[in-house]
Amino acid sequence: MEPYRIWQYQTETHSLVLGKAERPALDDNEILVQNKAIGINPVDWKFIKANPLNWPNG
């Protein structure tokens, strides 16, 4: 499985951008977890879309 990075932008034409990510180098006291599936709470998605904290894109 290859690592991917997904960014959400506040534009209609490029709302989600998928790109490959580098596999991180691990220290002796770290582990790498492989996700089979992830989810986002609908309230969290609406919060991100509304951008009340004026977060920058990317």
PDB file of N, CA and C in Angstrom:
ATOM      1  N   MET A   1       0.844  -1.181   0.000  1.00  0.00           N
ATOM      2  CA  MET A   1       0.000   0.000   0.000  1.00  0.00           C
ATOM      3  C   MET A   1       0.886   1.240   0.000  1.00  0.00           C
ATOM      4  N   GLU A   2       0.533   2.190  -0.826  1.00  0.00           N
ATOM      5  CA  GLU A   2       1.307   3.425  -0.930  1.00  0.00           C
ATOM      6  C   GLU A   2       0.680   4.528  -0.082  1.00  0.00           C
ATOM      7  N   PRO A   3       1.500   5.358   0.535  1.00  0.00           N
ATOM      8  CA  PRO A   3       0.945   6.474   1.324  1.00  0.00           C
ATOM      9  C   PRO A   3       0.437   7.589   0.414  1.00  0.00           C
ATOM     10  N   TYR A   4      -0.708   8.130   0.759  1.00  0.00           N
ATOM     11  CA  TYR A   4      -1.295   9.234   0.006  1.00  0.00           C
ATOM     12  C   TYR A   4      -1.583  10.395   0.930  1.00  0.00           C
ATOM     13  N   ARG A   5      -1.715  11.545   0.352  1.00  0.00           N
ATOM     14  CA  ARG A   5      -2.021  12.777   1.081  1.00  0.00           C
ATOM     15  C   ARG A   5      -3.211  13.415   0.367  1.00  0.00           C
ATOM     16  N   ILE A   6      -4.205  13.809   1.124  1.00  0.00           N
ATOM     17  CA  ILE A   6      -5.385  14.446   0.541  1.00  0.00           C
ATOM     18  C   ILE A   6      -5.552  15.819   1.168  1.00  0.00           C
ATOM     19  N   TRP A   7      -5.730  16.824   0.327  1.00  0.00           N
ATOM     20  CA  TRP A   7      -5.921  18.201   0.779  1.00  0.00           C
ATOM     21  C   TRP A   7      -7.309  18.652   0.376  1.00  0.00           C
ATOM     22  N   GLN A   8      -7.923  19.469   1.188  1.00  0.00           N
ATOM     23  CA  GLN A   8      -9.240  20.030   0.898  1.00  0.00           C
ATOM     24  C   GLN A   8      -9.081  21.522   0.739  1.00  0.00           C
ATOM     25  N   TYR A   9      -9.508  22.028  -0.410  1.00  0.00           N
ATOM     26  CA  TYR A   9      -9.429  23.458  -0.689  1.00  0.00           C
ATOM     27  C   TYR A   9     -10.829  24.049  -0.762  1.00  0.00           C
ATOM     28  N   GLN A  10     -10.940  25.322  -0.539  1.00  0.00           N
ATOM     29  CA  GLN A  10     -12.233  26.009  -0.522  1.00  0.00           C
ATOM     30  C   GLN A  10     -12.623  26.538  -1.902  1.00  0.00           C
ATOM     31  N   THR A  11     -12.366  25.774  -2.947  1.00  0.00           N
ATOM     32  CA  THR A  11     -12.785  26.176  -4.284  1.00  0.00           C
ATOM     33  C   THR A  11     -13.664  25.092  -4.869  1.00  0.00           C
ATOM     34  N   GLU A  12     -14.544  25.470  -5.774  1.00  0.00           N
ATOM     35  CA  GLU A  12     -15.445  24.490  -6.371  1.00  0.00           C
ATOM     36  C   GLU A  12     -14.735  23.596  -7.378  1.00  0.00           C
ATOM     37  N   THR A  13     -13.720  24.111  -8.067  1.00  0.00           N
ATOM     38  CA  THR A  13     -13.067  23.318  -9.106  1.00  0.00           C
ATOM     39  C   THR A  13     -12.066  22.312  -8.551  1.00  0.00           C
ATOM     40  N   HIS A  14     -11.449  22.583  -7.429  1.00  0.00           N
ATOM     41  CA  HIS A  14     -10.462  21.677  -6.845  1.00  0.00           C
ATOM     42  C   HIS A  14     -10.745  21.479  -5.358  1.00  0.00           C
ATOM     43  N   SER A  15     -11.900  20.930  -5.045  1.00  0.00           N
ATOM     44  CA  SER A  15     -12.244  20.813  -3.634  1.00  0.00           C
ATOM     45  C   SER A  15     -11.395  19.762  -2.916  1.00  0.00           C
ATOM     46  N   LEU A  16     -11.031  18.676  -3.593  1.00  0.00           N
ATOM     47  CA  LEU A  16     -10.159  17.668  -2.997  1.00  0.00           C
ATOM     48  C   LEU A  16      -8.999  17.395  -3.945  1.00  0.00           C
ATOM     49  N   VAL A  17      -7.802  17.351  -3.419  1.00  0.00           N
ATOM     50  CA  VAL A  17      -6.616  17.080  -4.224  1.00  0.00           C
ATOM     51  C   VAL A  17      -5.899  15.881  -3.619  1.00  0.00           C
ATOM     52  N   LEU A  18      -5.674  14.851  -4.435  1.00  0.00           N
ATOM     53  CA  LEU A  18      -5.002  13.636  -3.994  1.00  0.00           C
ATOM     54  C   LEU A  18      -3.569  13.646  -4.497  1.00  0.00           C
ATOM     55  N   GLY A  19      -2.624  13.359  -3.622  1.00  0.00           N
ATOM     56  CA  GLY A  19      -1.219  13.302  -4.009  1.00  0.00           C
ATOM     57  C   GLY A  19      -0.491  12.230  -3.220  1.00  0.00           C
ATOM     58  N   LYS A  20       0.598  11.758  -3.762  1.00  0.00           N
ATOM     59  CA  LYS A  20       1.388  10.743  -3.064  1.00  0.00           C
ATOM     60  C   LYS A  20       2.214  11.391  -1.957  1.00  0.00           C
ATOM     61  N   ALA A  21       2.442  10.641  -0.909  1.00  0.00           N
ATOM     62  CA  ALA A  21       3.218  11.123   0.239  1.00  0.00           C
ATOM     63  C   ALA A  21       4.428  10.221   0.428  1.00  0.00           C
ATOM     64  N   GLU A  22       5.457  10.762   1.011  1.00  0.00           N
ATOM     65  CA  GLU A  22       6.645   9.972   1.340  1.00  0.00           C
ATOM     66  C   GLU A  22       6.368   9.144   2.594  1.00  0.00           C
ATOM     67  N   ARG A  23       6.866   7.925   2.605  1.00  0.00           N
ATOM     68  CA  ARG A  23       6.736   7.106   3.807  1.00  0.00           C
ATOM     69  C   ARG A  23       7.684   7.674   4.862  1.00  0.00           C
ATOM     70  N   PRO A  24       7.171   7.979   6.058  1.00  0.00           N
ATOM     71  CA  PRO A  24       8.011   8.627   7.075  1.00  0.00           C
ATOM     72  C   PRO A  24       9.088   7.689   7.620  1.00  0.00           C
ATOM     73  N   ALA A  25      10.207   8.257   7.968  1.00  0.00           N
ATOM     74  CA  ALA A  25      11.261   7.505   8.656  1.00  0.00           C
ATOM     75  C   ALA A  25      10.883   7.410  10.131  1.00  0.00           C
ATOM     76  N   LEU A  26      11.018   6.230  10.685  1.00  0.00           N
ATOM     77  CA  LEU A  26      10.598   6.006  12.069  1.00  0.00           C
ATOM     78  C   LEU A  26      11.791   5.915  13.008  1.00  0.00           C
ATOM     79  N   ASP A  27      11.596   6.443  14.212  1.00  0.00           N
ATOM     80  CA  ASP A  27      12.576   6.271  15.281  1.00  0.00           C
ATOM     81  C   ASP A  27      12.347   4.910  15.939  1.00  0.00           C
ATOM     82  N   ASP A  28      13.240   4.520  16.815  1.00  0.00           N
ATOM     83  CA  ASP A  28      13.137   3.219  17.485  1.00  0.00           C
ATOM     84  C   ASP A  28      11.887   3.091  18.351  1.00  0.00           C
ATOM     85  N   ASN A  29      11.359   4.203  18.836  1.00  0.00           N
ATOM     86  CA  ASN A  29      10.194   4.161  19.725  1.00  0.00           C
ATOM     87  C   ASN A  29       8.899   4.530  18.996  1.00  0.00           C
ATOM     88  N   GLU A  30       8.860   4.435  17.666  1.00  0.00           N
ATOM     89  CA  GLU A  30       7.674   4.784  16.881  1.00  0.00           C
ATOM     90  C   GLU A  30       7.203   3.586  16.062  1.00  0.00           C
ATOM     91  N   ILE A  31       5.913   3.600  15.715  1.00  0.00           N
ATOM     92  CA  ILE A  31       5.344   2.575  14.848  1.00  0.00           C
ATOM     93  C   ILE A  31       4.594   3.255  13.712  1.00  0.00           C
ATOM     94  N   LEU A  32       4.401   2.542  12.623  1.00  0.00           N
ATOM     95  CA  LEU A  32       3.632   3.038  11.493  1.00  0.00           C
ATOM     96  C   LEU A  32       2.333   2.251  11.436  1.00  0.00           C
ATOM     97  N   VAL A  33       1.202   2.930  11.456  1.00  0.00           N
ATOM     98  CA  VAL A  33      -0.106   2.292  11.464  1.00  0.00           C
ATOM     99  C   VAL A  33      -0.713   2.399  10.074  1.00  0.00           C
ATOM    100  N   GLN A  34      -1.186   1.268   9.549  1.00  0.00           N
ATOM    101  CA  GLN A  34      -1.843   1.252   8.246  1.00  0.00           C
ATOM    102  C   GLN A  34      -3.352   1.279   8.462  1.00  0.00           C
ATOM    103  N   ASN A  35      -4.012   2.295   7.909  1.00  0.00           N
ATOM    104  CA  ASN A  35      -5.460   2.416   8.022  1.00  0.00           C
ATOM    105  C   ASN A  35      -6.138   1.649   6.901  1.00  0.00           C
ATOM    106  N   LYS A  36      -7.161   0.905   7.237  1.00  0.00           N
ATOM    107  CA  LYS A  36      -7.990   0.239   6.228  1.00  0.00           C
ATOM    108  C   LYS A  36      -9.113   1.161   5.783  1.00  0.00           C
ATOM    109  N   ALA A  37      -9.597   1.972   6.704  1.00  0.00           N
ATOM    110  CA  ALA A  37     -10.668   2.919   6.396  1.00  0.00           C
ATOM    111  C   ALA A  37     -10.616   4.046   7.415  1.00  0.00           C
ATOM    112  N   ILE A  38     -11.039   5.218   6.997  1.00  0.00           N
ATOM    113  CA  ILE A  38     -11.146   6.352   7.907  1.00  0.00           C
ATOM    114  C   ILE A  38     -12.495   7.007   7.685  1.00  0.00           C
ATOM    115  N   GLY A  39     -12.909   7.800   8.620  1.00  0.00           N
ATOM    116  CA  GLY A  39     -14.182   8.490   8.493  1.00  0.00           C
ATOM    117  C   GLY A  39     -14.089   9.876   9.089  1.00  0.00           C
ATOM    118  N   ILE A  40     -15.064  10.675   8.764  1.00  0.00           N
ATOM    119  CA  ILE A  40     -15.133  12.016   9.332  1.00  0.00           C
ATOM    120  C   ILE A  40     -16.570  12.257   9.773  1.00  0.00           C
ATOM    121  N   ASN A  41     -16.704  12.825  10.928  1.00  0.00           N
ATOM    122  CA  ASN A  41     -18.008  13.149  11.474  1.00  0.00           C
ATOM    123  C   ASN A  41     -18.651  14.240  10.611  1.00  0.00           C
ATOM    124  N   PRO A  42     -19.933  14.125  10.255  1.00  0.00           N
ATOM    125  CA  PRO A  42     -20.582  15.165   9.447  1.00  0.00           C
ATOM    126  C   PRO A  42     -20.467  16.565  10.049  1.00  0.00           C
ATOM    127  N   VAL A  43     -20.504  16.672  11.360  1.00  0.00           N
ATOM    128  CA  VAL A  43     -20.364  17.984  11.998  1.00  0.00           C
ATOM    129  C   VAL A  43     -18.966  18.549  11.738  1.00  0.00           C
ATOM    130  N   ASP A  44     -17.951  17.691  11.799  1.00  0.00           N
ATOM    131  CA  ASP A  44     -16.583  18.140  11.527  1.00  0.00           C
ATOM    132  C   ASP A  44     -16.436  18.620  10.090  1.00  0.00           C
ATOM    133  N   TRP A  45     -17.025  17.910   9.132  1.00  0.00           N
ATOM    134  CA  TRP A  45     -16.942  18.308   7.728  1.00  0.00           C
ATOM    135  C   TRP A  45     -17.595  19.677   7.521  1.00  0.00           C
ATOM    136  N   LYS A  46     -18.739  19.890   8.144  1.00  0.00           N
ATOM    137  CA  LYS A  46     -19.417  21.190   8.023  1.00  0.00           C
ATOM    138  C   LYS A  46     -18.586  22.295   8.671  1.00  0.00           C
ATOM    139  N   PHE A  47     -17.924  21.983   9.773  1.00  0.00           N
ATOM    140  CA  PHE A  47     -17.065  22.958  10.440  1.00  0.00           C
ATOM    141  C   PHE A  47     -15.905  23.356   9.529  1.00  0.00           C
ATOM    142  N   ILE A  48     -15.262  22.366   8.904  1.00  0.00           N
ATOM    143  CA  ILE A  48     -14.156  22.641   7.986  1.00  0.00           C
ATOM    144  C   ILE A  48     -14.646  23.459   6.803  1.00  0.00           C
ATOM    145  N   LYS A  49     -15.792  23.092   6.240  1.00  0.00           N
ATOM    146  CA  LYS A  49     -16.325  23.795   5.069  1.00  0.00           C
ATOM    147  C   LYS A  49     -16.667  25.247   5.402  1.00  0.00           C
ATOM    148  N   ALA A  50     -17.188  25.495   6.592  1.00  0.00           N
ATOM    149  CA  ALA A  50     -17.548  26.864   6.984  1.00  0.00           C
ATOM    150  C   ALA A  50     -16.309  27.706   7.280  1.00  0.00           C
ATOM    151  N   ASN A  51     -15.215  27.061   7.701  1.00  0.00           N
ATOM    152  CA  ASN A  51     -13.939  27.718   7.985  1.00  0.00           C
ATOM    153  C   ASN A  51     -14.082  28.889   8.968  1.00  0.00           C
ATOM    154  N   PRO A  52     -14.693  28.672  10.138  1.00  0.00           N
ATOM    155  CA  PRO A  52     -14.879  29.775  11.077  1.00  0.00           C
ATOM    156  C   PRO A  52     -13.574  30.304  11.672  1.00  0.00           C
ATOM    157  N   LEU A  53     -12.528  29.505  11.655  1.00  0.00           N
ATOM    158  CA  LEU A  53     -11.250  29.953  12.211  1.00  0.00           C
ATOM    159  C   LEU A  53     -10.349  30.569  11.149  1.00  0.00           C
ATOM    160  N   ASN A  54     -10.860  30.673   9.922  1.00  0.00           N
ATOM    161  CA  ASN A  54     -10.126  31.280   8.813  1.00  0.00           C
ATOM    162  C   ASN A  54      -8.789  30.578   8.573  1.00  0.00           C
ATOM    163  N   TRP A  55      -8.823  29.241   8.573  1.00  0.00           N
ATOM    164  CA  TRP A  55      -7.621  28.456   8.314  1.00  0.00           C
ATOM    165  C   TRP A  55      -7.163  28.654   6.881  1.00  0.00           C
ATOM    166  N   PRO A  56      -5.858  28.677   6.629  1.00  0.00           N
ATOM    167  CA  PRO A  56      -5.369  28.788   5.250  1.00  0.00           C
ATOM    168  C   PRO A  56      -5.579  27.480   4.496  1.00  0.00           C
ATOM    169  N   ASN A  57      -5.692  27.558   3.178  1.00  0.00           N
ATOM    170  CA  ASN A  57      -5.831  26.363   2.352  1.00  0.00           C
ATOM    171  C   ASN A  57      -4.550  25.557   2.385  1.00  0.00           C
ATOM    172  N   GLY A  58      -4.696  24.231   2.317  1.00  0.00           N
ATOM    173  CA  GLY A  58      -3.524  23.340   2.298  1.00  0.00           C
ATOM    174  C   GLY A  58      -3.218  22.905   3.646  1.00  0.00           C
TER     175      GLY A  58
END
